[in-house]
Amino acid sequence: MKLATFFKSIGADQSGATAVEYGLIVSLIVIAMVGALQGVAEENQRVWSDVKTAQEEASR
């Protein structure tokens, strides 16, 4: 009888569900951050490429 009570208490426990929900929220935030940082990195690379080109043209 104690085993059945144990499994019922595990099935009724909601604390694990909350941790999973928080984990999903954090993972979505991380995915959004990675996407945003990739955009910033590409723009930064383009700007420095333009600076390099301008410097090379000015030194000719």
N, C-alpha and C. Protein backbone atom coordinates (compact mmCIF):
# COMPACT_ATOMS: atom_id res chain seq x y z
N MET A 1 0.81 -1.19 0.00
CA MET A 1 0.00 0.00 0.00
C MET A 1 0.86 1.26 0.00
N LYS A 2 2.00 1.22 0.63
CA LYS A 2 2.87 2.39 0.67
C LYS A 2 3.40 2.74 -0.73
N LEU A 3 3.66 1.74 -1.56
CA LEU A 3 4.16 1.97 -2.91
C LEU A 3 3.13 2.71 -3.75
N ALA A 4 1.87 2.34 -3.63
CA ALA A 4 0.80 3.01 -4.38
C ALA A 4 0.70 4.47 -3.93
N THR A 5 0.81 4.72 -2.65
CA THR A 5 0.77 6.08 -2.13
C THR A 5 1.95 6.89 -2.65
N PHE A 6 3.10 6.26 -2.71
CA PHE A 6 4.30 6.93 -3.22
C PHE A 6 4.11 7.37 -4.67
N PHE A 7 3.60 6.47 -5.52
CA PHE A 7 3.41 6.80 -6.92
C PHE A 7 2.32 7.86 -7.12
N LYS A 8 1.30 7.84 -6.27
CA LYS A 8 0.27 8.87 -6.34
C LYS A 8 0.85 10.23 -5.98
N SER A 9 1.72 10.26 -4.99
CA SER A 9 2.31 11.54 -4.59
C SER A 9 3.25 12.07 -5.67
N ILE A 10 3.94 11.19 -6.37
CA ILE A 10 4.81 11.62 -7.47
C ILE A 10 3.95 12.18 -8.61
N GLY A 11 2.85 11.52 -8.92
CA GLY A 11 1.97 11.97 -9.99
C GLY A 11 1.31 13.29 -9.68
N ALA A 12 1.06 13.58 -8.42
CA ALA A 12 0.39 14.81 -8.02
C ALA A 12 1.36 15.97 -7.83
N ASP A 13 2.65 15.69 -7.76
CA ASP A 13 3.66 16.73 -7.52
C ASP A 13 3.79 17.63 -8.74
N GLN A 14 3.62 18.93 -8.56
CA GLN A 14 3.67 19.90 -9.66
C GLN A 14 4.98 20.69 -9.70
N SER A 15 5.85 20.50 -8.73
CA SER A 15 7.08 21.31 -8.67
C SER A 15 8.01 21.01 -9.84
N GLY A 16 8.04 19.80 -10.32
CA GLY A 16 8.88 19.47 -11.46
C GLY A 16 8.40 20.15 -12.73
N ALA A 17 7.08 20.28 -12.87
CA ALA A 17 6.52 20.94 -14.05
C ALA A 17 6.95 22.41 -14.10
N THR A 18 6.99 23.04 -12.97
CA THR A 18 7.42 24.44 -12.93
C THR A 18 8.87 24.58 -13.35
N ALA A 19 9.71 23.68 -12.90
CA ALA A 19 11.13 23.72 -13.28
C ALA A 19 11.28 23.51 -14.78
N VAL A 20 10.50 22.63 -15.36
CA VAL A 20 10.55 22.39 -16.80
C VAL A 20 10.10 23.63 -17.55
N GLU A 21 9.05 24.28 -17.07
CA GLU A 21 8.57 25.50 -17.72
C GLU A 21 9.63 26.59 -17.68
N TYR A 22 10.27 26.77 -16.54
CA TYR A 22 11.34 27.76 -16.45
C TYR A 22 12.50 27.41 -17.38
N GLY A 23 12.81 26.13 -17.48
CA GLY A 23 13.87 25.70 -18.39
C GLY A 23 13.53 26.02 -19.84
N LEU A 24 12.28 25.81 -20.24
CA LEU A 24 11.86 26.14 -21.60
C LEU A 24 11.93 27.64 -21.85
N ILE A 25 11.51 28.43 -20.88
CA ILE A 25 11.57 29.89 -21.03
C ILE A 25 13.02 30.35 -21.19
N VAL A 26 13.90 29.83 -20.36
CA VAL A 26 15.32 30.20 -20.44
C VAL A 26 15.91 29.79 -21.78
N SER A 27 15.55 28.61 -22.26
CA SER A 27 16.10 28.17 -23.55
C SER A 27 15.60 29.05 -24.69
N LEU A 28 14.37 29.50 -24.65
CA LEU A 28 13.87 30.41 -25.68
C LEU A 28 14.58 31.76 -25.62
N ILE A 29 14.86 32.24 -24.43
CA ILE A 29 15.60 33.50 -24.28
C ILE A 29 17.00 33.36 -24.85
N VAL A 30 17.66 32.24 -24.57
CA VAL A 30 19.01 32.00 -25.09
C VAL A 30 19.00 31.94 -26.62
N ILE A 31 18.02 31.27 -27.19
CA ILE A 31 17.92 31.18 -28.65
C ILE A 31 17.75 32.57 -29.25
N ALA A 32 16.91 33.40 -28.64
CA ALA A 32 16.71 34.77 -29.12
C ALA A 32 17.99 35.58 -29.00
N MET A 33 18.72 35.40 -27.91
CA MET A 33 19.97 36.14 -27.73
C MET A 33 21.01 35.74 -28.77
N VAL A 34 21.11 34.45 -29.06
CA VAL A 34 22.08 33.98 -30.05
C VAL A 34 21.74 34.57 -31.42
N GLY A 35 20.46 34.57 -31.77
CA GLY A 35 20.05 35.16 -33.04
C GLY A 35 20.38 36.63 -33.13
N ALA A 36 20.12 37.36 -32.05
CA ALA A 36 20.41 38.79 -32.03
C ALA A 36 21.91 39.04 -32.12
N LEU A 37 22.70 38.26 -31.41
CA LEU A 37 24.15 38.45 -31.43
C LEU A 37 24.75 38.11 -32.79
N GLN A 38 24.16 37.15 -33.49
CA GLN A 38 24.63 36.85 -34.84
C GLN A 38 24.39 38.04 -35.76
N GLY A 39 23.24 38.67 -35.63
CA GLY A 39 22.95 39.86 -36.43
C GLY A 39 23.92 40.99 -36.14
N VAL A 40 24.21 41.20 -34.87
CA VAL A 40 25.16 42.24 -34.48
C VAL A 40 26.56 41.92 -35.00
N ALA A 41 26.94 40.66 -34.91
CA ALA A 41 28.28 40.25 -35.38
C ALA A 41 28.42 40.46 -36.88
N GLU A 42 27.39 40.13 -37.64
CA GLU A 42 27.46 40.31 -39.08
C GLU A 42 27.56 41.79 -39.44
N GLU A 43 26.80 42.62 -38.76
CA GLU A 43 26.85 44.07 -39.01
C GLU A 43 28.21 44.62 -38.61
N ASN A 44 28.76 44.17 -37.50
CA ASN A 44 30.07 44.61 -37.05
C ASN A 44 31.15 44.23 -38.06
N GLN A 45 31.06 43.03 -38.59
CA GLN A 45 32.02 42.57 -39.59
C GLN A 45 31.91 43.42 -40.86
N ARG A 46 30.70 43.77 -41.25
CA ARG A 46 30.51 44.60 -42.43
C ARG A 46 31.11 45.99 -42.22
N VAL A 47 30.90 46.56 -41.05
CA VAL A 47 31.44 47.90 -40.76
C VAL A 47 32.96 47.88 -40.82
N TRP A 48 33.59 46.89 -40.21
CA TRP A 48 35.05 46.85 -40.21
C TRP A 48 35.60 46.54 -41.61
N SER A 49 34.85 45.81 -42.39
CA SER A 49 35.25 45.58 -43.78
C SER A 49 35.21 46.88 -44.56
N ASP A 50 34.19 47.69 -44.34
CA ASP A 50 34.10 49.01 -44.98
C ASP A 50 35.25 49.91 -44.54
N VAL A 51 35.60 49.86 -43.26
CA VAL A 51 36.72 50.66 -42.75
C VAL A 51 38.02 50.22 -43.41
N LYS A 52 38.23 48.93 -43.52
CA LYS A 52 39.44 48.41 -44.15
C LYS A 52 39.52 48.85 -45.61
N THR A 53 38.40 48.74 -46.31
CA THR A 53 38.38 49.16 -47.73
C THR A 53 38.68 50.64 -47.86
N ALA A 54 38.08 51.46 -47.03
CA ALA A 54 38.30 52.91 -47.07
C ALA A 54 39.76 53.23 -46.75
N GLN A 55 40.36 52.52 -45.80
CA GLN A 55 41.75 52.76 -45.44
C GLN A 55 42.66 52.36 -46.58
N GLU A 56 42.36 51.24 -47.23
CA GLU A 56 43.20 50.80 -48.35
C GLU A 56 43.11 51.76 -49.52
N GLU A 57 41.92 52.30 -49.78
CA GLU A 57 41.75 53.26 -50.87
C GLU A 57 42.45 54.58 -50.55
N ALA A 58 42.43 54.97 -49.27
CA ALA A 58 43.07 56.22 -48.88
C ALA A 58 44.59 56.12 -48.92
N SER A 59 45.13 54.92 -48.74
CA SER A 59 46.58 54.78 -48.71
C SER A 59 47.18 54.62 -50.11
N ARG A 60 46.37 54.55 -51.15
CA ARG A 60 46.89 54.41 -52.52
C ARG A 60 47.37 55.71 -53.06
